Amino acid sequence: MSEQEAEQSDRQKYEFKKVIEKLDEYEGSGTQLVSIYVPGGTRISEVQAHVTQEHSEASNIKSKQTRTNVQDALSSIKSRLQYYEEAPENGMVLFSGAIDAGGGQTDMVTEVLESPPDPIESFRYHCDSHFLTEPLEYMLADKGLYGLVVLDRREANVGWLKGKRVEPVKSASSLVPGKQRKGGQSAQRFARLRLEAIDNFYQEVAGMADELFVPERHEMDGILVGGPSPTKDEFLDGDYLHHELQDLVLGKFDVSYTDESGLHDLVDNASEVLADAEIMEDKNLMETFFRQLHEGEEATYGFGATRQNLMMGSVETLLLSEDLRQDVVVADCDACTNTTYELVDRRHATPDAVDCEDCGETVEVTEEDREDVIEHLMAIAEQRGTETAFISTDFEKGEQLHDAFGGIAGILRYSTGV
């Protein structure tokens, strides 16, 4: 996938995620919210026939309110379908229903999502008090599944690397005695008991790994094993793992710790193997950003400075947190003709007015002056030939981007002093 295609995919995922989050907030007073999943290539006449049949069967619903709302939702969907002859290549999803607007009132909403990230495999009709968004959420989940094992002769941890998220699952502590033998034992007997304890511990670790990984072996992209030498070598060379898992081992790596933090170290140390994994792309970008921030001058952060650098065309890569949920109010001041930009949490109402950043005059604003801050910045980035990367918060530096830098930063082409 080219960088342009990857960026387009990230943007599509963000737009889908935003719609899904909005749909998840909606609730119907009964089973009156309709979700329809249509596979690619399906003739729309077939979907319309199914909707017509469901509309007819809805007349049997006992509750008058629910009956009316379901039929209205199906009528809304049918009216949207008339603009299509065939479902797009990856399919389409239609949502419609009367949602609770408070105070006993309802609002009718209808959303059509075309060409989801992954193909829709089968037709599905669902009617409930919430929209069915789980299949789409699964499509948007980070791809890539790696098994992780870290061990020494004292302890071991087993877990997953799922997309960009390291997930510890199982741990074990060993009963392997230290190298010093206790009084009264011969050196040979002590050595034999110690080797037996090591072997038993390796079998226990392999048992944890087998239990976790074997059921998912056909879905996994590989297994990474970490620990000090010779522990990890003994473990792998001893064929303790299930034979099908042995074939999935991508490499063994030195790690200093074998507790849960060791799983993160393992992912870091396996960076070359994971070069194509999403988490490494994010980590590399954030390492470049922090290096420029501390050692150079080719980094920017925060909405105001990053936007200014974007306008100047000096941003090479725009970094946006995947968890950024803010809007921007764009207010044009009549007094000094300058524009003020004020960030607003997406959950908060639009302010009635803002103070001009240049002259201090009060500027009235309306809902029309508000837009998604990510779409606002990405529009500028596209005009200036700037790449955009969405950064996960599932690792430390990605979390720092969101918490310490407001979820907005940039790697610059050259220093601007802004």
Protein backbone atom coordinates (compact mmCIF):
# COMPACT_ATOMS: atom_id res chain seq x y z
CA MET A 1 0.00 0.00 0.00
CA SER A 2 1.40 3.43 -0.98
CA GLU A 3 1.65 6.26 1.54
CA GLN A 4 -1.20 8.04 -0.24
CA GLU A 5 -3.39 4.94 -0.08
CA ALA A 6 -2.51 4.42 3.61
CA GLU A 7 -3.43 8.04 4.38
CA GLN A 8 -6.70 7.72 2.49
CA SER A 9 -7.44 4.51 4.41
CA ASP A 10 -6.72 6.25 7.74
CA ARG A 11 -9.02 9.10 6.83
CA GLN A 12 -11.79 6.73 5.77
CA LYS A 13 -11.41 4.82 9.03
CA TYR A 14 -11.62 8.06 11.01
CA GLU A 15 -14.77 9.15 9.18
CA PHE A 16 -16.36 5.74 9.72
CA LYS A 17 -15.34 5.74 13.39
CA LYS A 18 -16.90 9.18 13.91
CA VAL A 19 -20.21 8.05 12.40
CA ILE A 20 -20.17 4.82 14.43
CA GLU A 21 -19.57 6.72 17.68
CA LYS A 22 -22.57 8.92 16.87
CA LEU A 23 -24.74 5.89 16.02
CA ASP A 24 -23.72 4.16 19.27
CA GLU A 25 -25.09 7.10 21.27
CA TYR A 26 -28.56 6.71 19.78
CA GLU A 27 -31.25 4.71 21.56
CA GLY A 28 -34.77 3.81 20.61
CA SER A 29 -37.66 3.39 23.03
CA GLY A 30 -38.33 -0.07 21.58
CA THR A 31 -36.96 -2.43 18.93
CA GLN A 32 -37.31 0.25 16.29
CA LEU A 33 -33.78 1.03 15.07
CA VAL A 34 -33.11 -0.74 11.77
CA SER A 35 -29.66 -1.81 10.53
CA ILE A 36 -29.14 -3.44 7.12
CA TYR A 37 -25.79 -4.84 5.88
CA VAL A 38 -25.62 -5.35 2.10
CA PRO A 39 -22.75 -7.27 0.41
CA GLY A 40 -20.99 -5.73 -2.57
CA GLY A 41 -22.52 -6.37 -5.98
CA THR A 42 -26.01 -7.02 -4.58
CA ARG A 43 -28.73 -5.71 -6.87
CA ILE A 44 -30.61 -2.98 -5.04
CA SER A 45 -33.94 -4.27 -6.37
CA GLU A 46 -33.40 -7.36 -4.19
CA VAL A 47 -32.76 -5.19 -1.13
CA GLN A 48 -35.84 -3.09 -1.87
CA ALA A 49 -37.94 -6.24 -2.11
CA HIS A 50 -36.66 -7.36 1.31
CA VAL A 51 -37.37 -3.92 2.82
CA THR A 52 -40.89 -3.99 1.36
CA GLN A 53 -41.49 -7.42 2.91
CA GLU A 54 -40.21 -6.25 6.31
CA HIS A 55 -42.45 -3.17 6.06
CA SER A 56 -45.45 -5.43 5.50
CA GLU A 57 -44.52 -7.77 8.37
CA ALA A 58 -44.02 -4.78 10.69
CA SER A 59 -47.79 -4.25 10.58
CA ASN A 60 -48.04 -7.17 13.00
CA ILE A 61 -46.10 -5.33 15.74
CA LYS A 62 -48.46 -4.85 18.68
CA SER A 63 -47.16 -1.48 19.90
CA LYS A 64 -48.55 1.25 17.66
CA GLN A 65 -45.59 3.55 18.34
CA THR A 66 -43.00 0.86 17.60
CA ARG A 67 -44.94 -0.28 14.51
CA THR A 68 -45.09 3.27 13.14
CA ASN A 69 -41.42 3.96 13.87
CA VAL A 70 -40.20 0.73 12.24
CA GLN A 71 -42.28 1.34 9.13
CA ASP A 72 -41.11 4.96 8.92
CA ALA A 73 -37.48 3.78 9.21
CA LEU A 74 -37.97 1.23 6.44
CA SER A 75 -39.64 3.84 4.23
CA SER A 76 -36.67 6.17 4.79
CA ILE A 77 -34.25 3.38 3.85
CA LYS A 78 -36.24 2.53 0.73
CA SER A 79 -36.16 6.16 -0.39
CA ARG A 80 -32.36 6.20 -0.03
CA LEU A 81 -31.99 2.98 -2.00
CA GLN A 82 -33.61 4.46 -5.09
CA TYR A 83 -30.34 6.28 -5.87
CA TYR A 84 -28.47 2.99 -6.34
CA GLU A 85 -28.63 0.16 -8.86
CA GLU A 86 -26.04 -2.06 -7.22
CA ALA A 87 -24.20 -2.07 -3.89
CA PRO A 88 -20.58 -0.78 -4.05
CA GLU A 89 -17.69 -3.26 -4.23
CA ASN A 90 -17.28 -3.62 -0.44
CA GLY A 91 -21.00 -3.30 0.17
CA MET A 92 -23.01 -0.75 2.11
CA VAL A 93 -24.70 -0.38 5.50
CA LEU A 94 -27.97 1.45 6.14
CA PHE A 95 -29.17 2.68 9.52
CA SER A 96 -32.53 4.31 10.20
CA GLY A 97 -34.85 4.79 13.14
CA ALA A 98 -36.61 7.09 15.57
CA ILE A 99 -34.15 7.95 18.35
CA ASP A 100 -34.95 9.26 21.80
CA ALA A 101 -34.56 13.06 21.74
CA GLY A 102 -35.61 13.57 25.38
CA GLY A 103 -38.84 14.90 26.84
CA GLY A 104 -40.81 12.11 25.22
CA GLN A 105 -39.81 13.33 21.74
CA THR A 106 -38.11 11.38 18.94
CA ASP A 107 -36.02 12.31 15.91
CA MET A 108 -35.75 10.24 12.75
CA VAL A 109 -32.15 9.62 11.64
CA THR A 110 -30.93 7.80 8.55
CA GLU A 111 -27.30 7.06 7.69
CA VAL A 112 -25.88 5.28 4.65
CA LEU A 113 -22.27 4.10 4.83
CA GLU A 114 -20.79 3.08 1.49
CA SER A 115 -17.70 0.92 0.91
CA PRO A 116 -16.68 -0.06 4.45
CA PRO A 117 -12.98 -0.90 5.07
CA ASP A 118 -13.57 -4.66 4.62
CA PRO A 119 -16.09 -6.42 2.37
CA ILE A 120 -19.48 -7.28 3.86
CA GLU A 121 -19.82 -11.04 3.53
CA SER A 122 -23.57 -11.59 3.88
CA PHE A 123 -26.89 -9.76 3.90
CA ARG A 124 -28.13 -8.95 7.38
CA TYR A 125 -31.30 -7.28 8.65
CA HIS A 126 -31.39 -6.26 12.32
CA CYS A 127 -34.02 -4.42 14.35
CA ASP A 128 -33.33 -3.48 17.98
CA SER A 129 -33.25 -0.60 20.47
CA HIS A 130 -29.66 0.14 19.33
CA PHE A 131 -28.09 0.18 15.89
CA LEU A 132 -25.95 -2.84 15.04
CA THR A 133 -22.44 -1.38 14.67
CA GLU A 134 -20.27 -4.26 15.96
CA PRO A 135 -19.41 -5.65 12.49
CA LEU A 136 -18.13 -2.21 11.44
CA GLU A 137 -16.21 -1.77 14.69
CA TYR A 138 -14.48 -5.09 14.03
CA MET A 139 -13.46 -3.86 10.58
CA LEU A 140 -11.93 -0.74 12.11
CA ALA A 141 -10.00 -2.67 14.75
CA ASP A 142 -6.23 -2.66 14.34
CA LYS A 143 -5.06 -5.49 12.12
CA GLY A 144 -2.20 -7.83 12.90
CA LEU A 145 -2.05 -10.51 15.59
CA TYR A 146 1.24 -11.66 17.13
CA GLY A 147 1.85 -13.97 20.07
CA LEU A 148 4.38 -12.70 22.66
CA VAL A 149 6.43 -14.80 25.09
CA VAL A 150 9.08 -13.45 27.50
CA LEU A 151 10.81 -15.71 30.01
CA ASP A 152 13.85 -16.29 32.14
CA ARG A 153 14.33 -18.98 34.80
CA ARG A 154 12.41 -16.95 37.39
CA GLU A 155 9.25 -15.86 35.64
CA ALA A 156 7.43 -15.69 32.31
CA ASN A 157 4.69 -13.65 30.68
CA VAL A 158 2.60 -14.49 27.64
CA GLY A 159 0.36 -12.11 25.72
CA TRP A 160 -0.70 -10.58 22.43
CA LEU A 161 0.29 -7.78 20.11
CA LYS A 162 -3.07 -6.85 18.56
CA GLY A 163 -2.57 -4.18 15.96
CA LYS A 164 -0.93 -1.47 18.05
CA ARG A 165 -1.90 -2.76 21.48
CA VAL A 166 0.22 -4.98 23.71
CA GLU A 167 -2.09 -7.15 25.85
CA PRO A 168 -0.59 -9.22 28.71
CA VAL A 169 -2.66 -12.36 29.38
CA LYS A 170 -0.87 -15.04 31.40
CA SER A 171 2.10 -15.13 33.80
CA ALA A 172 4.00 -17.74 35.82
CA SER A 173 6.74 -17.85 38.46
CA SER A 174 9.24 -20.67 38.61
CA LEU A 175 10.48 -22.90 41.42
CA VAL A 176 13.93 -23.20 39.86
CA PRO A 177 16.53 -23.04 42.66
CA GLY A 178 19.51 -20.73 42.43
CA LYS A 179 22.90 -21.98 41.27
CA GLN A 180 24.14 -22.34 44.86
CA ARG A 181 23.33 -25.82 46.17
CA LYS A 182 22.00 -26.30 49.64
CA GLY A 183 24.04 -28.13 52.28
CA GLY A 184 23.88 -31.90 52.30
CA GLN A 185 23.23 -32.25 48.56
CA SER A 186 25.81 -33.60 46.16
CA ALA A 187 26.71 -31.35 43.25
CA GLN A 188 25.42 -33.89 40.74
CA ARG A 189 22.10 -34.40 42.51
CA PHE A 190 21.56 -30.66 42.90
CA ALA A 191 22.35 -30.08 39.23
CA ARG A 192 19.91 -32.82 38.22
CA LEU A 193 17.11 -31.39 40.39
CA ARG A 194 17.77 -27.93 39.00
CA LEU A 195 17.56 -29.15 35.41
CA GLU A 196 14.31 -30.94 36.20
CA ALA A 197 12.88 -27.75 37.69
CA ILE A 198 13.93 -25.77 34.60
CA ASP A 199 12.37 -28.38 32.31
CA ASN A 200 9.13 -28.32 34.33
CA PHE A 201 9.02 -24.53 34.15
CA TYR A 202 9.58 -24.49 30.38
CA GLN A 203 6.76 -26.99 30.03
CA GLU A 204 4.50 -24.76 32.12
CA VAL A 205 5.33 -21.73 29.95
CA ALA A 206 4.75 -23.75 26.77
CA GLY A 207 1.43 -24.90 28.20
CA MET A 208 0.34 -21.28 28.73
CA ALA A 209 1.42 -20.38 25.20
CA ASP A 210 -0.28 -23.42 23.67
CA GLU A 211 -3.53 -22.71 25.51
CA LEU A 212 -3.54 -19.10 24.33
CA PHE A 213 -2.11 -19.38 20.82
CA VAL A 214 -3.17 -22.76 19.39
CA PRO A 215 -6.87 -21.82 19.01
CA GLU A 216 -5.82 -18.67 17.11
CA ARG A 217 -2.92 -20.19 15.16
CA HIS A 218 -4.61 -19.78 11.78
CA GLU A 219 -5.31 -16.10 12.44
CA MET A 220 -1.86 -15.20 13.81
CA ASP A 221 0.86 -13.39 11.88
CA GLY A 222 3.66 -14.84 14.01
CA ILE A 223 5.16 -15.40 17.46
CA LEU A 224 7.97 -13.43 19.13
CA VAL A 225 10.03 -14.91 21.98
CA GLY A 226 12.20 -12.81 24.29
CA GLY A 227 14.44 -13.29 27.28
CA PRO A 228 18.10 -13.50 28.26
CA SER A 229 20.46 -16.04 26.76
CA PRO A 230 20.50 -18.98 27.12
CA THR A 231 16.91 -19.15 28.44
CA LYS A 232 15.05 -18.25 25.25
CA ASP A 233 17.41 -20.47 23.22
CA GLU A 234 16.84 -23.46 25.53
CA PHE A 235 13.10 -22.91 25.37
CA LEU A 236 12.93 -22.81 21.57
CA ASP A 237 15.61 -25.42 20.90
CA GLY A 238 13.89 -27.81 23.32
CA ASP A 239 10.74 -27.89 21.15
CA TYR A 240 8.51 -27.15 24.12
CA LEU A 241 5.96 -25.26 22.02
CA HIS A 242 3.24 -27.02 20.05
CA HIS A 243 4.71 -28.05 16.68
CA GLU A 244 2.35 -25.75 14.74
CA LEU A 245 3.41 -22.82 16.93
CA GLN A 246 7.09 -23.56 16.37
CA ASP A 247 6.54 -22.82 12.68
CA LEU A 248 5.08 -19.41 13.56
CA VAL A 249 8.10 -18.19 15.57
CA LEU A 250 9.52 -15.17 13.72
CA GLY A 251 12.55 -14.73 15.96
CA LYS A 252 14.05 -14.60 19.44
CA PHE A 253 15.15 -11.34 21.03
CA ASP A 254 17.11 -10.20 24.07
CA VAL A 255 15.01 -8.43 26.69
CA SER A 256 16.09 -7.27 30.13
CA TYR A 257 12.78 -7.82 31.91
CA THR A 258 10.37 -10.71 31.84
CA ASP A 259 7.45 -9.12 33.69
CA GLU A 260 4.64 -7.39 31.77
CA SER A 261 6.96 -4.54 30.77
CA GLY A 262 9.10 -7.16 29.06
CA LEU A 263 6.33 -7.71 26.53
CA HIS A 264 6.62 -4.06 25.49
CA ASP A 265 10.43 -4.38 25.34
CA LEU A 266 10.03 -7.44 23.15
CA VAL A 267 7.90 -5.50 20.65
CA ASP A 268 10.46 -2.67 20.63
CA ASN A 269 13.40 -5.03 20.10
CA ALA A 270 11.60 -6.88 17.32
CA SER A 271 11.15 -3.66 15.35
CA GLU A 272 12.76 -5.00 12.19
CA VAL A 273 10.49 -8.05 12.15
CA LEU A 274 7.49 -5.85 12.85
CA ALA A 275 8.52 -3.21 10.34
CA ASP A 276 5.21 -3.56 8.54
CA ALA A 277 3.13 -3.61 11.71
CA GLU A 278 1.10 -0.49 12.46
CA ILE A 279 2.50 -0.04 15.96
CA MET A 280 6.05 0.35 14.63
CA GLU A 281 4.99 2.96 12.08
CA ASP A 282 3.42 4.99 14.89
CA LYS A 283 6.42 4.52 17.19
CA ASN A 284 8.89 5.56 14.51
CA LEU A 285 6.93 8.74 13.78
CA MET A 286 6.67 9.64 17.45
CA GLU A 287 10.38 8.95 18.02
CA THR A 288 11.19 11.29 15.12
CA PHE A 289 8.88 13.93 16.58
CA PHE A 290 10.41 13.75 20.07
CA ARG A 291 13.95 13.73 18.67
CA GLN A 292 13.24 16.89 16.68
CA LEU A 293 11.47 18.43 19.67
CA HIS A 294 14.42 17.88 22.03
CA GLU A 295 17.43 18.01 19.71
CA GLY A 296 16.33 19.98 16.67
CA GLU A 297 13.78 22.59 15.75
CA GLU A 298 11.75 20.73 13.15
CA ALA A 299 8.74 19.90 15.32
CA THR A 300 5.51 21.67 16.22
CA TYR A 301 2.57 20.87 18.47
CA GLY A 302 -0.75 22.26 19.62
CA PHE A 303 -3.56 23.45 17.38
CA GLY A 304 -2.45 27.05 16.85
CA ALA A 305 1.23 26.47 16.07
CA THR A 306 0.57 23.34 14.00
CA ARG A 307 -2.12 25.08 11.96
CA GLN A 308 0.17 28.04 11.32
CA ASN A 309 2.94 25.75 10.13
CA LEU A 310 0.46 23.87 7.94
CA MET A 311 -0.60 27.13 6.30
CA MET A 312 3.07 27.94 5.65
CA GLY A 313 3.53 24.54 4.00
CA SER A 314 6.32 23.64 6.40
CA VAL A 315 4.75 20.48 7.87
CA GLU A 316 6.02 17.24 6.37
CA THR A 317 3.82 14.92 8.49
CA LEU A 318 0.74 15.94 10.48
CA LEU A 319 0.35 13.80 13.61
CA LEU A 320 -3.19 13.38 14.95
CA SER A 321 -4.20 11.29 17.94
CA GLU A 322 -6.77 8.60 17.16
CA ASP A 323 -8.55 9.64 20.38
CA LEU A 324 -8.80 13.34 19.47
CA ARG A 325 -12.44 14.35 19.80
CA GLN A 326 -12.61 18.13 19.38
CA ASP A 327 -14.20 20.66 17.08
CA VAL A 328 -12.98 24.10 16.13
CA VAL A 329 -15.09 27.26 16.02
CA VAL A 330 -13.96 29.52 13.17
CA ALA A 331 -14.96 33.15 13.86
CA ASP A 332 -14.33 36.05 11.45
CA CYS A 333 -14.00 39.40 13.24
CA ASP A 334 -15.69 42.34 11.51
CA ALA A 335 -13.69 44.86 13.54
CA CYS A 336 -10.19 43.80 12.45
CA THR A 337 -11.03 41.29 9.65
CA ASN A 338 -8.89 38.60 11.30
CA THR A 339 -10.03 35.06 12.05
CA THR A 340 -10.09 33.45 15.49
CA TYR A 341 -9.99 29.69 16.02
CA GLU A 342 -11.27 28.26 19.30
CA LEU A 343 -11.26 24.56 20.19
CA VAL A 344 -14.43 23.04 21.66
CA ASP A 345 -14.89 19.58 23.16
CA ARG A 346 -17.24 17.64 20.90
CA ARG A 347 -19.54 16.93 23.85
CA HIS A 348 -20.00 20.64 24.63
CA ALA A 349 -22.41 23.08 23.02
CA THR A 350 -21.19 25.74 20.61
CA PRO A 351 -20.46 29.02 22.48
CA ASP A 352 -22.59 32.03 21.61
CA ALA A 353 -19.52 34.21 21.13
CA VAL A 354 -15.71 34.21 21.28
CA ASP A 355 -13.18 36.96 21.84
CA CYS A 356 -11.09 37.94 18.82
CA GLU A 357 -7.48 36.88 19.38
CA ASP A 358 -6.16 40.06 17.72
CA CYS A 359 -8.35 42.97 18.79
CA GLY A 360 -10.32 41.48 21.69
CA GLU A 361 -13.73 42.31 20.23
CA THR A 362 -16.59 39.91 20.90
CA VAL A 363 -17.54 37.88 17.83
CA GLU A 364 -20.89 36.09 17.69
CA VAL A 365 -20.80 32.53 16.39
CA THR A 366 -23.37 29.93 15.36
CA GLU A 367 -23.41 26.16 14.89
CA GLU A 368 -22.46 26.71 11.23
CA ASP A 369 -19.13 28.18 12.35
CA ARG A 370 -18.15 24.87 13.95
CA GLU A 371 -16.33 21.99 12.27
CA ASP A 372 -14.38 18.86 13.11
CA VAL A 373 -10.82 19.91 13.99
CA ILE A 374 -9.33 16.82 12.30
CA GLU A 375 -11.17 17.49 9.05
CA HIS A 376 -10.19 21.17 9.32
CA LEU A 377 -6.47 20.35 9.64
CA MET A 378 -6.50 17.53 7.10
CA ALA A 379 -8.07 19.80 4.48
CA ILE A 380 -5.15 22.22 4.87
CA ALA A 381 -2.67 19.32 4.85
CA GLU A 382 -4.05 18.03 1.55
CA GLN A 383 -3.76 21.46 -0.03
CA ARG A 384 -0.11 21.77 1.07
CA GLY A 385 1.00 18.24 0.15
CA THR A 386 1.39 17.22 3.80
CA GLU A 387 1.04 13.59 4.86
CA THR A 388 -1.31 12.81 7.76
CA ALA A 389 -0.79 10.00 10.29
CA PHE A 390 -3.26 8.89 12.97
CA ILE A 391 -1.37 7.88 16.11
CA SER A 392 -2.66 5.24 18.52
CA THR A 393 -2.73 5.88 22.28
CA ASP A 394 -1.91 2.22 22.98
CA PHE A 395 1.76 2.99 23.65
CA GLU A 396 3.48 5.54 25.88
CA LYS A 397 4.52 8.17 23.34
CA GLY A 398 1.16 7.93 21.56
CA GLU A 399 -0.53 8.57 24.90
CA GLN A 400 1.77 11.56 25.45
CA LEU A 401 0.71 13.04 22.11
CA HIS A 402 -2.91 12.97 23.27
CA ASP A 403 -2.44 14.00 26.91
CA ALA A 404 0.53 16.40 26.81
CA PHE A 405 0.31 17.88 23.31
CA GLY A 406 -3.44 18.10 22.79
CA GLY A 407 -3.49 15.32 20.21
CA ILE A 408 -2.07 17.57 17.47
CA ALA A 409 1.56 17.83 16.35
CA GLY A 410 3.74 17.89 13.27
CA ILE A 411 7.15 16.94 11.95
CA LEU A 412 8.47 19.89 9.93
CA ARG A 413 10.31 20.05 6.62
CA TYR A 414 12.40 22.92 7.98
CA SER A 415 12.57 25.08 11.08
CA THR A 416 10.17 28.03 11.13
CA GLY A 417 10.51 29.33 14.68
CA VAL A 418 6.72 29.02 15.14
